[in-house]
Amino acid sequence: MRSTNDSRRDRLPVKVGAGLLDTPMTPAQAQRWGEHNMPSGLRAAGFKVRVVRSDPQMHGGTWLRVNYGK
């Protein structure tokens, strides 16, 4: 069984567009946040939510990014 410390360690800052969300999240939480907050126009146009993890060597840090795309 996972301890509380393990689940906290799995949580990362989440970036959406140019902004940063207040609460670190797991990838599954970020996916649910993206689904819940997707603009209706994008949903109607067939866009999907993608959550990607940054690469510290490429991006200078580790975080999750919520993107909407086809």
Protein backbone atom coordinates (compact mmCIF):
# COMPACT_ATOMS: atom_id res chain seq x y z
CA MET A 1 0.00 0.00 0.00
CA ARG A 2 1.25 3.51 -0.79
CA SER A 3 1.95 5.92 1.99
CA THR A 4 0.75 9.52 1.96
CA ASN A 5 4.28 10.69 1.22
CA ASP A 6 4.36 8.62 -2.00
CA SER A 7 1.15 10.21 -3.31
CA ARG A 8 2.44 13.69 -2.49
CA ARG A 9 5.65 12.94 -4.35
CA ASP A 10 3.65 11.91 -7.44
CA ARG A 11 1.96 15.32 -7.53
CA LEU A 12 3.46 17.96 -9.79
CA PRO A 13 2.66 21.59 -10.59
CA VAL A 14 0.16 21.87 -13.46
CA LYS A 15 0.44 24.42 -16.27
CA VAL A 16 -2.47 25.34 -18.53
CA GLY A 17 -1.75 27.85 -21.27
CA ALA A 18 0.35 30.63 -19.73
CA GLY A 19 -1.00 29.95 -16.24
CA LEU A 20 -0.13 27.69 -13.33
CA LEU A 21 -2.83 26.00 -11.24
CA ASP A 22 -2.76 26.52 -7.47
CA THR A 23 -2.63 22.85 -6.46
CA PRO A 24 -0.11 20.20 -7.57
CA MET A 25 -1.84 17.15 -9.07
CA THR A 26 -1.22 13.61 -10.23
CA PRO A 27 -1.52 12.97 -13.98
CA ALA A 28 -4.98 11.41 -13.45
CA GLN A 29 -6.17 14.45 -11.48
CA ALA A 30 -4.84 16.80 -14.17
CA GLN A 31 -6.67 14.77 -16.84
CA ARG A 32 -9.95 15.04 -14.89
CA TRP A 33 -9.37 18.79 -14.36
CA GLY A 34 -8.81 19.23 -18.10
CA GLU A 35 -11.96 17.28 -18.99
CA HIS A 36 -14.04 19.29 -16.52
CA ASN A 37 -12.66 22.68 -17.61
CA MET A 38 -12.46 22.21 -21.39
CA PRO A 39 -14.22 25.07 -23.20
CA SER A 40 -17.47 23.86 -24.77
CA GLY A 41 -16.44 25.18 -28.19
CA LEU A 42 -13.35 22.97 -28.20
CA ARG A 43 -15.35 19.95 -27.07
CA ALA A 44 -17.90 20.54 -29.85
CA ALA A 45 -15.06 20.79 -32.38
CA GLY A 46 -13.77 17.34 -31.37
CA PHE A 47 -10.78 18.34 -29.27
CA LYS A 48 -9.41 15.99 -26.60
CA VAL A 49 -7.47 16.58 -23.39
CA ARG A 50 -3.81 15.58 -23.30
CA VAL A 51 -1.66 15.71 -20.17
CA VAL A 52 2.10 15.56 -20.69
CA ARG A 53 4.97 15.61 -18.24
CA SER A 54 7.82 18.01 -18.92
CA ASP A 55 11.41 16.89 -19.30
CA PRO A 56 13.79 18.62 -16.86
CA GLN A 57 16.64 18.68 -19.39
CA MET A 58 14.51 20.08 -22.23
CA HIS A 59 12.19 22.37 -20.26
CA GLY A 60 14.25 23.26 -17.18
CA GLY A 61 11.86 21.70 -14.69
CA THR A 62 9.28 19.02 -14.05
CA TRP A 63 5.56 19.74 -14.25
CA LEU A 64 2.40 18.55 -15.98
CA ARG A 65 0.91 20.47 -18.89
CA VAL A 66 -2.77 20.23 -19.85
CA ASN A 67 -3.28 20.66 -23.61
CA TYR A 68 -6.34 20.52 -25.84
CA GLY A 69 -5.82 19.14 -29.32
CA LYS A 70 -7.06 16.87 -32.08
